[in-house]
Amino acid sequence: MTMQEGHRTRFHAWLVEHALDEEVADAIMAAMPPYNWHELATKTDLAVLEGRLERTDQSIHDLRIAVTTEIGGLRTEVGSLRDHIGTEIGGLRTEIGGLRTEMGTEMGSLRDHIGTEIGGLRTEMGKE
């Protein structure tokens, strides 16, 4: 038995012995909390906690909105970057295609020139 319970039991016995009948003493004891009064939460305590809880709920709500907005902005930015990269890749493909064509033309010209030079060397060698 804890001290509090011991005190309650002795107080009940004293009430019955010195002042009241047992039924009235029981009623008084039932009305008294079995713990210290300072441990009770008052309406003011509950109102303060309710206010804090409401502010916390509002902060969470505001944070959720901010995060959702930020994610939306990031999605837009990523989409824009994806479009930009796609455009750049398209431009690079066009440029590479142009370089490939130019290189093919240059190689053809070089082949023709080398063929002409080799033909000229054969002619000269045949004359000697």
C-alpha atoms as a PDB file:
ATOM      1  CA  MET A   1       0.000   0.000   0.000  1.00  0.00           C
ATOM      2  CA  THR A   2       1.421   3.412  -0.966  1.00  0.00           C
ATOM      3  CA  MET A   3       1.494   6.391   1.394  1.00  0.00           C
ATOM      4  CA  GLN A   4      -1.449   8.016  -0.343  1.00  0.00           C
ATOM      5  CA  GLU A   5      -3.614   4.948  -0.011  1.00  0.00           C
ATOM      6  CA  GLY A   6      -2.573   4.593   3.636  1.00  0.00           C
ATOM      7  CA  HIS A   7      -3.496   8.203   4.329  1.00  0.00           C
ATOM      8  CA  ARG A   8      -6.857   7.758   2.637  1.00  0.00           C
ATOM      9  CA  THR A   9      -7.611   4.634   4.659  1.00  0.00           C
ATOM     10  CA  ARG A  10      -6.673   6.325   7.965  1.00  0.00           C
ATOM     11  CA  PHE A  11      -8.679   9.434   7.086  1.00  0.00           C
ATOM     12  CA  HIS A  12     -11.737   7.315   6.268  1.00  0.00           C
ATOM     13  CA  ALA A  13     -11.395   5.469   9.584  1.00  0.00           C
ATOM     14  CA  TRP A  14     -11.046   8.765  11.468  1.00  0.00           C
ATOM     15  CA  LEU A  15     -14.165  10.188   9.780  1.00  0.00           C
ATOM     16  CA  VAL A  16     -16.190   7.121  10.711  1.00  0.00           C
ATOM     17  CA  GLU A  17     -14.840   7.047  14.276  1.00  0.00           C
ATOM     18  CA  HIS A  18     -15.050  10.750  15.164  1.00  0.00           C
ATOM     19  CA  ALA A  19     -17.491  12.581  12.949  1.00  0.00           C
ATOM     20  CA  LEU A  20     -19.684  10.758  10.488  1.00  0.00           C
ATOM     21  CA  ASP A  21     -21.342   7.481   9.803  1.00  0.00           C
ATOM     22  CA  GLU A  22     -19.693   5.132   7.317  1.00  0.00           C
ATOM     23  CA  GLU A  23     -22.008   5.963   4.397  1.00  0.00           C
ATOM     24  CA  VAL A  24     -21.218   9.692   4.579  1.00  0.00           C
ATOM     25  CA  ALA A  25     -17.496   8.963   5.025  1.00  0.00           C
ATOM     26  CA  ASP A  26     -17.636   6.718   1.926  1.00  0.00           C
ATOM     27  CA  ALA A  27     -19.311   9.511  -0.058  1.00  0.00           C
ATOM     28  CA  ILE A  28     -16.663  12.032   1.020  1.00  0.00           C
ATOM     29  CA  MET A  29     -13.860   9.627   0.124  1.00  0.00           C
ATOM     30  CA  ALA A  30     -15.454   8.887  -3.273  1.00  0.00           C
ATOM     31  CA  ALA A  31     -15.482  12.649  -4.000  1.00  0.00           C
ATOM     32  CA  MET A  32     -11.783  12.970  -3.165  1.00  0.00           C
ATOM     33  CA  PRO A  33      -9.309  11.924  -5.852  1.00  0.00           C
ATOM     34  CA  PRO A  34      -6.943   9.112  -4.893  1.00  0.00           C
ATOM     35  CA  TYR A  35      -3.936  11.235  -5.952  1.00  0.00           C
ATOM     36  CA  ASN A  36      -2.424  14.625  -5.233  1.00  0.00           C
ATOM     37  CA  TRP A  37      -4.472  17.644  -6.228  1.00  0.00           C
ATOM     38  CA  HIS A  38      -1.551  19.215  -8.077  1.00  0.00           C
ATOM     39  CA  GLU A  39      -1.596  16.262 -10.478  1.00  0.00           C
ATOM     40  CA  LEU A  40      -5.058  17.209 -11.745  1.00  0.00           C
ATOM     41  CA  ALA A  41      -5.333  18.991 -15.071  1.00  0.00           C
ATOM     42  CA  THR A  42      -7.493  22.078 -14.868  1.00  0.00           C
ATOM     43  CA  LYS A  43      -9.693  23.460 -17.624  1.00  0.00           C
ATOM     44  CA  THR A  44      -7.050  26.127 -18.133  1.00  0.00           C
ATOM     45  CA  ASP A  45      -4.359  23.441 -18.498  1.00  0.00           C
ATOM     46  CA  LEU A  46      -6.525  21.645 -21.059  1.00  0.00           C
ATOM     47  CA  ALA A  47      -7.242  24.902 -22.920  1.00  0.00           C
ATOM     48  CA  VAL A  48      -3.502  25.645 -23.124  1.00  0.00           C
ATOM     49  CA  LEU A  49      -2.831  22.158 -24.436  1.00  0.00           C
ATOM     50  CA  GLU A  50      -5.703  22.455 -26.893  1.00  0.00           C
ATOM     51  CA  GLY A  51      -4.236  25.728 -28.184  1.00  0.00           C
ATOM     52  CA  ARG A  52      -0.818  24.155 -28.574  1.00  0.00           C
ATOM     53  CA  LEU A  53      -2.350  21.181 -30.377  1.00  0.00           C
ATOM     54  CA  GLU A  54      -4.286  23.481 -32.712  1.00  0.00           C
ATOM     55  CA  ARG A  55      -1.123  25.465 -33.489  1.00  0.00           C
ATOM     56  CA  THR A  56       0.744  22.208 -34.116  1.00  0.00           C
ATOM     57  CA  ASP A  57      -2.035  21.000 -36.420  1.00  0.00           C
ATOM     58  CA  GLN A  58      -1.947  24.323 -38.277  1.00  0.00           C
ATOM     59  CA  SER A  59       1.852  24.144 -38.569  1.00  0.00           C
ATOM     60  CA  ILE A  60       1.625  20.634 -39.993  1.00  0.00           C
ATOM     61  CA  HIS A  61      -1.087  21.768 -42.406  1.00  0.00           C
ATOM     62  CA  ASP A  62       1.004  24.770 -43.505  1.00  0.00           C
ATOM     63  CA  LEU A  63       4.064  22.568 -43.906  1.00  0.00           C
ATOM     64  CA  ARG A  64       2.085  20.071 -45.980  1.00  0.00           C
ATOM     65  CA  ILE A  65       0.928  22.892 -48.283  1.00  0.00           C
ATOM     66  CA  ALA A  66       4.469  24.271 -48.581  1.00  0.00           C
ATOM     67  CA  VAL A  67       5.936  20.848 -49.375  1.00  0.00           C
ATOM     68  CA  THR A  68       3.186  20.127 -51.914  1.00  0.00           C
ATOM     69  CA  THR A  69       3.799  23.498 -53.571  1.00  0.00           C
ATOM     70  CA  GLU A  70       7.557  22.918 -53.609  1.00  0.00           C
ATOM     71  CA  ILE A  71       7.129  19.453 -55.127  1.00  0.00           C
ATOM     72  CA  GLY A  72       4.842  20.928 -57.782  1.00  0.00           C
ATOM     73  CA  GLY A  73       7.470  23.536 -58.595  1.00  0.00           C
ATOM     74  CA  LEU A  74      10.168  20.889 -58.798  1.00  0.00           C
ATOM     75  CA  ARG A  75       8.022  18.773 -61.122  1.00  0.00           C
ATOM     76  CA  THR A  76       7.528  21.781 -63.376  1.00  0.00           C
ATOM     77  CA  GLU A  77      11.239  22.556 -63.326  1.00  0.00           C
ATOM     78  CA  VAL A  78      12.201  18.942 -64.055  1.00  0.00           C
ATOM     79  CA  GLY A  79       9.686  18.860 -66.919  1.00  0.00           C
ATOM     80  CA  SER A  80      11.145  22.056 -68.328  1.00  0.00           C
ATOM     81  CA  LEU A  81      14.684  20.691 -68.018  1.00  0.00           C
ATOM     82  CA  ARG A  82      13.591  17.447 -69.686  1.00  0.00           C
ATOM     83  CA  ASP A  83      12.119  19.432 -72.599  1.00  0.00           C
ATOM     84  CA  HIS A  84      15.288  21.540 -72.844  1.00  0.00           C
ATOM     85  CA  ILE A  85      17.506  18.448 -72.808  1.00  0.00           C
ATOM     86  CA  GLY A  86      15.293  16.828 -75.451  1.00  0.00           C
ATOM     87  CA  THR A  87      15.662  19.913 -77.647  1.00  0.00           C
ATOM     88  CA  GLU A  88      19.427  19.952 -77.114  1.00  0.00           C
ATOM     89  CA  ILE A  89      19.708  16.243 -77.947  1.00  0.00           C
ATOM     90  CA  GLY A  90      17.643  16.808 -81.086  1.00  0.00           C
ATOM     91  CA  GLY A  91      20.009  19.631 -82.072  1.00  0.00           C
ATOM     92  CA  LEU A  92      23.040  17.436 -81.422  1.00  0.00           C
ATOM     93  CA  ARG A  93      21.577  14.641 -83.527  1.00  0.00           C
ATOM     94  CA  THR A  94      21.008  17.070 -86.380  1.00  0.00           C
ATOM     95  CA  GLU A  95      24.529  18.430 -86.011  1.00  0.00           C
ATOM     96  CA  ILE A  96      26.039  14.928 -85.877  1.00  0.00           C
ATOM     97  CA  GLY A  97      23.998  13.968 -88.930  1.00  0.00           C
ATOM     98  CA  GLY A  98      25.349  17.027 -90.749  1.00  0.00           C
ATOM     99  CA  LEU A  99      28.914  16.178 -89.702  1.00  0.00           C
ATOM    100  CA  ARG A 100      28.412  12.596 -90.846  1.00  0.00           C
ATOM    101  CA  THR A 101      27.203  13.814 -94.257  1.00  0.00           C
ATOM    102  CA  GLU A 102      30.056  16.329 -94.514  1.00  0.00           C
ATOM    103  CA  MET A 103      32.559  13.661 -93.509  1.00  0.00           C
ATOM    104  CA  GLY A 104      31.132  11.272 -96.092  1.00  0.00           C
ATOM    105  CA  THR A 105      31.431  13.952 -98.763  1.00  0.00           C
ATOM    106  CA  GLU A 106      34.981  14.793 -97.676  1.00  0.00           C
ATOM    107  CA  MET A 107      35.948  11.104 -97.637  1.00  0.00           C
ATOM    108  CA  GLY A 108      34.472  10.694-101.115  1.00  0.00           C
ATOM    109  CA  SER A 109      36.451  13.691-102.374  1.00  0.00           C
ATOM    110  CA  LEU A 110      39.590  12.379-100.671  1.00  0.00           C
ATOM    111  CA  ARG A 111      39.026   8.944-102.225  1.00  0.00           C
ATOM    112  CA  ASP A 112      38.608  10.519-105.663  1.00  0.00           C
ATOM    113  CA  HIS A 113      41.703  12.670-105.168  1.00  0.00           C
ATOM    114  CA  ILE A 114      43.792   9.711-103.953  1.00  0.00           C
ATOM    115  CA  GLY A 115      42.495   7.628-106.832  1.00  0.00           C
ATOM    116  CA  THR A 116      43.476  10.362-109.286  1.00  0.00           C
ATOM    117  CA  GLU A 117      46.925  10.710-107.704  1.00  0.00           C
ATOM    118  CA  ILE A 118      47.504   6.939-107.776  1.00  0.00           C
ATOM    119  CA  GLY A 119      46.339   6.878-111.381  1.00  0.00           C
ATOM    120  CA  GLY A 120      48.788   9.654-112.221  1.00  0.00           C
ATOM    121  CA  LEU A 121      51.615   7.793-110.468  1.00  0.00           C
ATOM    122  CA  ARG A 122      50.796   4.623-112.410  1.00  0.00           C
ATOM    123  CA  THR A 123      50.872   6.568-115.639  1.00  0.00           C
ATOM    124  CA  GLU A 124      54.216   8.111-114.772  1.00  0.00           C
ATOM    125  CA  MET A 125      55.627   4.745-113.720  1.00  0.00           C
ATOM    126  CA  GLY A 126      54.426   3.170-116.900  1.00  0.00           C
ATOM    127  CA  LYS A 127      56.279   5.763-119.007  1.00  0.00           C
ATOM    128  CA  GLU A 128      59.585   5.097-117.419  1.00  0.00           C
END
